[in-house]
Amino acid sequence: MPPEPMTSNRVAFVAEYEDGRTVEFSIDRWTLSLGEYAVRIIARERQEKGDLPPGEIRTVRRRRSPEGAGFERNARR
């Protein structure tokens, strides 16, 4: 999947896996109006579509640093 451009309409998140991997992804602000609980559901749906790697996601949190945020990235250790 090609990188999504980071705009003020998107919020960056980091999925942390049980095995230590982290993956960055973003969600549009409108979707977040449903509530922060939706982030884990969206991460799971993206795994099912293949946009995020498989594996047990331990936590999902907002990305604090704007550096490099806002798009799907390959998993890294």
PDB file of N, CA and C in Angstrom:
ATOM      1  N   MET A   1       0.839  -1.173   0.000  1.00  0.00           N
ATOM      2  CA  MET A   1       0.000   0.000   0.000  1.00  0.00           C
ATOM      3  C   MET A   1       0.883   1.234   0.000  1.00  0.00           C
ATOM      4  N   PRO A   2       0.627   2.202  -0.879  1.00  0.00           N
ATOM      5  CA  PRO A   2       1.465   3.401  -0.916  1.00  0.00           C
ATOM      6  C   PRO A   2       1.248   4.260   0.324  1.00  0.00           C
ATOM      7  N   PRO A   3       2.250   5.035   0.717  1.00  0.00           N
ATOM      8  CA  PRO A   3       2.108   5.885   1.897  1.00  0.00           C
ATOM      9  C   PRO A   3       0.963   6.880   1.734  1.00  0.00           C
ATOM     10  N   GLU A   4       0.262   7.117   2.845  1.00  0.00           N
ATOM     11  CA  GLU A   4      -0.789   8.125   2.848  1.00  0.00           C
ATOM     12  C   GLU A   4      -0.152   9.458   3.205  1.00  0.00           C
ATOM     13  N   PRO A   5      -0.522  10.532   2.512  1.00  0.00           N
ATOM     14  CA  PRO A   5       0.040  11.829   2.890  1.00  0.00           C
ATOM     15  C   PRO A   5      -0.488  12.247   4.264  1.00  0.00           C
ATOM     16  N   MET A   6       0.374  12.821   5.083  1.00  0.00           N
ATOM     17  CA  MET A   6      -0.040  13.276   6.399  1.00  0.00           C
ATOM     18  C   MET A   6      -0.646  14.657   6.245  1.00  0.00           C
ATOM     19  N   THR A   7      -1.884  14.785   6.635  1.00  0.00           N
ATOM     20  CA  THR A   7      -2.561  16.067   6.601  1.00  0.00           C
ATOM     21  C   THR A   7      -3.138  16.328   7.982  1.00  0.00           C
ATOM     22  N   SER A   8      -3.698  17.506   8.157  1.00  0.00           N
ATOM     23  CA  SER A   8      -4.303  17.820   9.449  1.00  0.00           C
ATOM     24  C   SER A   8      -5.573  17.010   9.665  1.00  0.00           C
ATOM     25  N   ASN A   9      -6.020  16.291   8.643  1.00  0.00           N
ATOM     26  CA  ASN A   9      -7.210  15.460   8.769  1.00  0.00           C
ATOM     27  C   ASN A   9      -6.893  14.043   9.229  1.00  0.00           C
ATOM     28  N   ARG A  10      -5.632  13.736   9.476  1.00  0.00           N
ATOM     29  CA  ARG A  10      -5.236  12.381   9.873  1.00  0.00           C
ATOM     30  C   ARG A  10      -4.511  12.431  11.213  1.00  0.00           C
ATOM     31  N   VAL A  11      -4.656  11.347  11.968  1.00  0.00           N
ATOM     32  CA  VAL A  11      -3.987  11.214  13.262  1.00  0.00           C
ATOM     33  C   VAL A  11      -3.119   9.960  13.191  1.00  0.00           C
ATOM     34  N   ALA A  12      -1.855  10.100  13.574  1.00  0.00           N
ATOM     35  CA  ALA A  12      -0.907   8.982  13.501  1.00  0.00           C
ATOM     36  C   ALA A  12      -0.956   8.137  14.772  1.00  0.00           C
ATOM     37  N   PHE A  13      -0.846   6.804  14.592  1.00  0.00           N
ATOM     38  CA  PHE A  13      -0.853   5.841  15.693  1.00  0.00           C
ATOM     39  C   PHE A  13       0.289   4.856  15.520  1.00  0.00           C
ATOM     40  N   VAL A  14       0.643   4.185  16.613  1.00  0.00           N
ATOM     41  CA  VAL A  14       1.651   3.132  16.611  1.00  0.00           C
ATOM     42  C   VAL A  14       1.015   1.884  17.217  1.00  0.00           C
ATOM     43  N   ALA A  15       1.084   0.782  16.490  1.00  0.00           N
ATOM     44  CA  ALA A  15       0.644  -0.514  17.016  1.00  0.00           C
ATOM     45  C   ALA A  15       1.878  -1.233  17.530  1.00  0.00           C
ATOM     46  N   GLU A  16       1.844  -1.645  18.791  1.00  0.00           N
ATOM     47  CA  GLU A  16       2.949  -2.385  19.394  1.00  0.00           C
ATOM     48  C   GLU A  16       2.528  -3.842  19.534  1.00  0.00           C
ATOM     49  N   TYR A  17       3.329  -4.734  18.956  1.00  0.00           N
ATOM     50  CA  TYR A  17       3.027  -6.157  18.951  1.00  0.00           C
ATOM     51  C   TYR A  17       3.651  -6.856  20.149  1.00  0.00           C
ATOM     52  N   GLU A  18       3.097  -8.012  20.510  1.00  0.00           N
ATOM     53  CA  GLU A  18       3.611  -8.815  21.628  1.00  0.00           C
ATOM     54  C   GLU A  18       5.076  -9.191  21.438  1.00  0.00           C
ATOM     55  N   ASP A  19       5.502  -9.380  20.184  1.00  0.00           N
ATOM     56  CA  ASP A  19       6.888  -9.793  19.933  1.00  0.00           C
ATOM     57  C   ASP A  19       7.861  -8.615  19.845  1.00  0.00           C
ATOM     58  N   GLY A  20       7.373  -7.392  20.123  1.00  0.00           N
ATOM     59  CA  GLY A  20       8.253  -6.229  20.145  1.00  0.00           C
ATOM     60  C   GLY A  20       8.228  -5.369  18.892  1.00  0.00           C
ATOM     61  N   ARG A  21       7.623  -5.855  17.828  1.00  0.00           N
ATOM     62  CA  ARG A  21       7.541  -5.046  16.613  1.00  0.00           C
ATOM     63  C   ARG A  21       6.635  -3.839  16.836  1.00  0.00           C
ATOM     64  N   THR A  22       6.878  -2.776  16.060  1.00  0.00           N
ATOM     65  CA  THR A  22       5.981  -1.623  16.042  1.00  0.00           C
ATOM     66  C   THR A  22       5.674  -1.277  14.599  1.00  0.00           C
ATOM     67  N   VAL A  23       4.449  -0.827  14.363  1.00  0.00           N
ATOM     68  CA  VAL A  23       4.015  -0.435  13.027  1.00  0.00           C
ATOM     69  C   VAL A  23       3.230   0.862  13.164  1.00  0.00           C
ATOM     70  N   GLU A  24       3.536   1.819  12.308  1.00  0.00           N
ATOM     71  CA  GLU A  24       2.834   3.100  12.311  1.00  0.00           C
ATOM     72  C   GLU A  24       1.724   3.083  11.273  1.00  0.00           C
ATOM     73  N   PHE A  25       0.611   3.721  11.602  1.00  0.00           N
ATOM     74  CA  PHE A  25      -0.492   3.873  10.663  1.00  0.00           C
ATOM     75  C   PHE A  25      -1.270   5.118  11.055  1.00  0.00           C
ATOM     76  N   SER A  26      -2.157   5.563  10.186  1.00  0.00           N
ATOM     77  CA  SER A  26      -2.933   6.757  10.504  1.00  0.00           C
ATOM     78  C   SER A  26      -4.411   6.520  10.244  1.00  0.00           C
ATOM     79  N   ILE A  27      -5.210   7.339  10.913  1.00  0.00           N
ATOM     80  CA  ILE A  27      -6.660   7.256  10.816  1.00  0.00           C
ATOM     81  C   ILE A  27      -7.185   8.672  10.638  1.00  0.00           C
ATOM     82  N   ASP A  28      -8.203   8.827   9.800  1.00  0.00           N
ATOM     83  CA  ASP A  28      -8.735  10.173   9.609  1.00  0.00           C
ATOM     84  C   ASP A  28      -9.489  10.628  10.862  1.00  0.00           C
ATOM     85  N   ARG A  29      -9.438  11.927  11.102  1.00  0.00           N
ATOM     86  CA  ARG A  29     -10.044  12.507  12.302  1.00  0.00           C
ATOM     87  C   ARG A  29     -11.541  12.239  12.389  1.00  0.00           C
ATOM     88  N   TRP A  30     -12.214  12.207  11.275  1.00  0.00           N
ATOM     89  CA  TRP A  30     -13.654  11.967  11.285  1.00  0.00           C
ATOM     90  C   TRP A  30     -13.966  10.611  11.905  1.00  0.00           C
ATOM     91  N   THR A  31     -13.197   9.596  11.542  1.00  0.00           N
ATOM     92  CA  THR A  31     -13.401   8.265  12.113  1.00  0.00           C
ATOM     93  C   THR A  31     -13.171   8.280  13.616  1.00  0.00           C
ATOM     94  N   LEU A  32     -12.191   9.057  14.065  1.00  0.00           N
ATOM     95  CA  LEU A  32     -11.909   9.133  15.497  1.00  0.00           C
ATOM     96  C   LEU A  32     -13.031   9.808  16.276  1.00  0.00           C
ATOM     97  N   SER A  33     -13.903  10.511  15.589  1.00  0.00           N
ATOM     98  CA  SER A  33     -15.030  11.128  16.289  1.00  0.00           C
ATOM     99  C   SER A  33     -15.935  10.054  16.891  1.00  0.00           C
ATOM    100  N   LEU A  34     -15.783   8.814  16.426  1.00  0.00           N
ATOM    101  CA  LEU A  34     -16.541   7.695  16.992  1.00  0.00           C
ATOM    102  C   LEU A  34     -16.028   7.326  18.379  1.00  0.00           C
ATOM    103  N   GLY A  35     -14.802   7.725  18.687  1.00  0.00           N
ATOM    104  CA  GLY A  35     -14.199   7.424  19.988  1.00  0.00           C
ATOM    105  C   GLY A  35     -12.871   6.714  19.809  1.00  0.00           C
ATOM    106  N   GLU A  36     -11.999   6.909  20.780  1.00  0.00           N
ATOM    107  CA  GLU A  36     -10.663   6.306  20.727  1.00  0.00           C
ATOM    108  C   GLU A  36     -10.718   4.779  20.715  1.00  0.00           C
ATOM    109  N   TYR A  37     -11.769   4.179  21.281  1.00  0.00           N
ATOM    110  CA  TYR A  37     -11.876   2.724  21.297  1.00  0.00           C
ATOM    111  C   TYR A  37     -11.870   2.144  19.885  1.00  0.00           C
ATOM    112  N   ALA A  38     -12.269   2.944  18.901  1.00  0.00           N
ATOM    113  CA  ALA A  38     -12.350   2.472  17.522  1.00  0.00           C
ATOM    114  C   ALA A  38     -10.971   2.163  16.936  1.00  0.00           C
ATOM    115  N   VAL A  39      -9.912   2.719  17.515  1.00  0.00           N
ATOM    116  CA  VAL A  39      -8.562   2.551  16.962  1.00  0.00           C
ATOM    117  C   VAL A  39      -8.147   1.079  16.949  1.00  0.00           C
ATOM    118  N   ARG A  40      -8.372   0.348  18.037  1.00  0.00           N
ATOM    119  CA  ARG A  40      -8.005  -1.082  18.076  1.00  0.00           C
ATOM    120  C   ARG A  40      -8.816  -1.874  17.059  1.00  0.00           C
ATOM    121  N   ILE A  41     -10.080  -1.535  16.921  1.00  0.00           N
ATOM    122  CA  ILE A  41     -10.937  -2.220  15.953  1.00  0.00           C
ATOM    123  C   ILE A  41     -10.421  -1.971  14.540  1.00  0.00           C
ATOM    124  N   ILE A  42     -10.074  -0.732  14.253  1.00  0.00           N
ATOM    125  CA  ILE A  42      -9.553  -0.380  12.923  1.00  0.00           C
ATOM    126  C   ILE A  42      -8.234  -1.099  12.672  1.00  0.00           C
ATOM    127  N   ALA A  43      -7.355  -1.163  13.682  1.00  0.00           N
ATOM    128  CA  ALA A  43      -6.074  -1.870  13.523  1.00  0.00           C
ATOM    129  C   ALA A  43      -6.324  -3.339  13.185  1.00  0.00           C
ATOM    130  N   ARG A  44      -7.266  -3.964  13.871  1.00  0.00           N
ATOM    131  CA  ARG A  44      -7.596  -5.379  13.607  1.00  0.00           C
ATOM    132  C   ARG A  44      -8.142  -5.548  12.180  1.00  0.00           C
ATOM    133  N   GLU A  45      -9.010  -4.627  11.757  1.00  0.00           N
ATOM    134  CA  GLU A  45      -9.553  -4.701  10.400  1.00  0.00           C
ATOM    135  C   GLU A  45      -8.449  -4.545   9.358  1.00  0.00           C
ATOM    136  N   ARG A  46      -7.495  -3.668   9.628  1.00  0.00           N
ATOM    137  CA  ARG A  46      -6.380  -3.478   8.687  1.00  0.00           C
ATOM    138  C   ARG A  46      -5.484  -4.711   8.643  1.00  0.00           C
ATOM    139  N   GLN A  47      -5.370  -5.415   9.746  1.00  0.00           N
ATOM    140  CA  GLN A  47      -4.634  -6.688   9.734  1.00  0.00           C
ATOM    141  C   GLN A  47      -5.342  -7.680   8.821  1.00  0.00           C
ATOM    142  N   GLU A  48      -6.647  -7.770   8.949  1.00  0.00           N
ATOM    143  CA  GLU A  48      -7.415  -8.707   8.131  1.00  0.00           C
ATOM    144  C   GLU A  48      -7.289  -8.401   6.647  1.00  0.00           C
ATOM    145  N   LYS A  49      -7.184  -7.111   6.293  1.00  0.00           N
ATOM    146  CA  LYS A  49      -7.022  -6.707   4.887  1.00  0.00           C
ATOM    147  C   LYS A  49      -5.580  -6.848   4.413  1.00  0.00           C
ATOM    148  N   GLY A  50      -4.649  -7.025   5.339  1.00  0.00           N
ATOM    149  CA  GLY A  50      -3.246  -7.152   4.967  1.00  0.00           C
ATOM    150  C   GLY A  50      -2.484  -5.841   4.998  1.00  0.00           C
ATOM    151  N   ASP A  51      -3.121  -4.764   5.458  1.00  0.00           N
ATOM    152  CA  ASP A  51      -2.450  -3.464   5.539  1.00  0.00           C
ATOM    153  C   ASP A  51      -1.488  -3.391   6.727  1.00  0.00           C
ATOM    154  N   LEU A  52      -1.778  -4.143   7.771  1.00  0.00           N
ATOM    155  CA  LEU A  52      -0.881  -4.263   8.923  1.00  0.00           C
ATOM    156  C   LEU A  52      -0.469  -5.727   9.025  1.00  0.00           C
ATOM    157  N   PRO A  53       0.756  -5.998   9.487  1.00  0.00           N
ATOM    158  CA  PRO A  53       1.209  -7.387   9.576  1.00  0.00           C
ATOM    159  C   PRO A  53       0.405  -8.186  10.598  1.00  0.00           C
ATOM    160  N   PRO A  54       0.325  -9.491  10.390  1.00  0.00           N
ATOM    161  CA  PRO A  54      -0.369 -10.343  11.364  1.00  0.00           C
ATOM    162  C   PRO A  54       0.410 -10.411  12.671  1.00  0.00           C
ATOM    163  N   GLY A  55      -0.263 -10.842  13.717  1.00  0.00           N
ATOM    164  CA  GLY A  55       0.365 -10.985  15.022  1.00  0.00           C
ATOM    165  C   GLY A  55      -0.514 -10.367  16.083  1.00  0.00           C
ATOM    166  N   GLU A  56      -0.189 -10.677  17.319  1.00  0.00           N
ATOM    167  CA  GLU A  56      -0.968 -10.172  18.448  1.00  0.00           C
ATOM    168  C   GLU A  56      -0.547  -8.740  18.763  1.00  0.00           C
ATOM    169  N   ILE A  57      -1.488  -7.809  18.636  1.00  0.00           N
ATOM    170  CA  ILE A  57      -1.215  -6.406  18.967  1.00  0.00           C
ATOM    171  C   ILE A  57      -1.435  -6.220  20.460  1.00  0.00           C
ATOM    172  N   ARG A  58      -0.381  -5.762  21.137  1.00  0.00           N
ATOM    173  CA  ARG A  58      -0.447  -5.546  22.583  1.00  0.00           C
ATOM    174  C   ARG A  58      -1.123  -4.222  22.906  1.00  0.00           C
ATOM    175  N   THR A  59      -0.689  -3.143  22.249  1.00  0.00           N
ATOM    176  CA  THR A  59      -1.270  -1.827  22.499  1.00  0.00           C
ATOM    177  C   THR A  59      -1.280  -1.013  21.209  1.00  0.00           C
ATOM    178  N   VAL A  60      -2.166  -0.032  21.187  1.00  0.00           N
ATOM    179  CA  VAL A  60      -2.194   0.949  20.110  1.00  0.00           C
ATOM    180  C   VAL A  60      -2.234   2.304  20.787  1.00  0.00           C
ATOM    181  N   ARG A  61      -1.334   3.199  20.381  1.00  0.00           N
ATOM    182  CA  ARG A  61      -1.269   4.520  21.000  1.00  0.00           C
ATOM    183  C   ARG A  61      -1.065   5.586  19.934  1.00  0.00           C
ATOM    184  N   ARG A  62      -1.413   6.807  20.287  1.00  0.00           N
ATOM    185  CA  ARG A  62      -1.143   7.924  19.378  1.00  0.00           C
ATOM    186  C   ARG A  62       0.354   8.127  19.258  1.00  0.00           C
ATOM    187  N   ARG A  63       0.782   8.467  18.057  1.00  0.00           N
ATOM    188  CA  ARG A  63       2.199   8.785  17.840  1.00  0.00           C
ATOM    189  C   ARG A  63       2.412  10.220  18.276  1.00  0.00           C
ATOM    190  N   ARG A  64       3.373  10.445  19.128  1.00  0.00           N
ATOM    191  CA  ARG A  64       3.628  11.778  19.689  1.00  0.00           C
ATOM    192  C   ARG A  64       4.468  12.660  18.775  1.00  0.00           C
ATOM    193  N   SER A  65       5.442  12.084  18.111  1.00  0.00           N
ATOM    194  CA  SER A  65       6.353  12.865  17.279  1.00  0.00           C
ATOM    195  C   SER A  65       5.799  12.992  15.860  1.00  0.00           C
ATOM    196  N   PRO A  66       5.789  14.187  15.295  1.00  0.00           N
ATOM    197  CA  PRO A  66       5.314  14.343  13.922  1.00  0.00           C
ATOM    198  C   PRO A  66       6.291  13.788  12.892  1.00  0.00           C
ATOM    199  N   GLU A  67       7.532  13.517  13.300  1.00  0.00           N
ATOM    200  CA  GLU A  67       8.566  13.044  12.394  1.00  0.00           C
ATOM    201  C   GLU A  67       8.202  11.680  11.801  1.00  0.00           C
ATOM    202  N   GLY A  68       7.957  11.636  10.499  1.00  0.00           N
ATOM    203  CA  GLY A  68       7.706  10.378   9.812  1.00  0.00           C
ATOM    204  C   GLY A  68       6.341   9.778  10.077  1.00  0.00           C
ATOM    205  N   ALA A  69       5.468  10.506  10.735  1.00  0.00           N
ATOM    206  CA  ALA A  69       4.156   9.954  11.081  1.00  0.00           C
ATOM    207  C   ALA A  69       3.189  10.082   9.923  1.00  0.00           C
ATOM    208  N   GLY A  70       2.127   9.306   9.995  1.00  0.00           N
ATOM    209  CA  GLY A  70       1.021   9.520   9.091  1.00  0.00           C
ATOM    210  C   GLY A  70       0.845   8.505   7.989  1.00  0.00           C
ATOM    211  N   PHE A  71       1.582   7.401   8.006  1.00  0.00           N
ATOM    212  CA  PHE A  71       1.383   6.415   6.954  1.00  0.00           C
ATOM    213  C   PHE A  71       1.786   5.038   7.431  1.00  0.00           C
ATOM    214  N   GLU A  72       1.279   4.053   6.714  1.00  0.00           N
ATOM    215  CA  GLU A  72       1.624   2.675   7.032  1.00  0.00           C
ATOM    216  C   GLU A  72       3.128   2.489   6.816  1.00  0.00           C
ATOM    217  N   ARG A  73       3.766   1.773   7.706  1.00  0.00           N
ATOM    218  CA  ARG A  73       5.190   1.478   7.559  1.00  0.00           C
ATOM    219  C   ARG A  73       5.394  -0.012   7.748  1.00  0.00           C
ATOM    220  N   ASN A  74       6.462  -0.496   7.208  1.00  0.00           N
ATOM    221  CA  ASN A  74       6.808  -1.904   7.426  1.00  0.00           C
ATOM    222  C   ASN A  74       7.119  -2.124   8.883  1.00  0.00           C
ATOM    223  N   ALA A  75       6.836  -3.303   9.353  1.00  0.00           N
ATOM    224  CA  ALA A  75       7.155  -3.642  10.731  1.00  0.00           C
ATOM    225  C   ALA A  75       8.667  -3.565  10.927  1.00  0.00           C
ATOM    226  N   ARG A  76       9.062  -3.156  12.104  1.00  0.00           N
ATOM    227  CA  ARG A  76      10.501  -3.101  12.409  1.00  0.00           C
ATOM    228  C   ARG A  76      10.705  -3.542  13.836  1.00  0.00           C
ATOM    229  N   ARG A  77      11.878  -4.009  14.117  1.00  0.00           N
ATOM    230  CA  ARG A  77      12.207  -4.463  15.482  1.00  0.00           C
ATOM    231  C   ARG A  77      12.988  -3.416  16.184  1.00  0.00           C
TER     232      ARG A  77
END
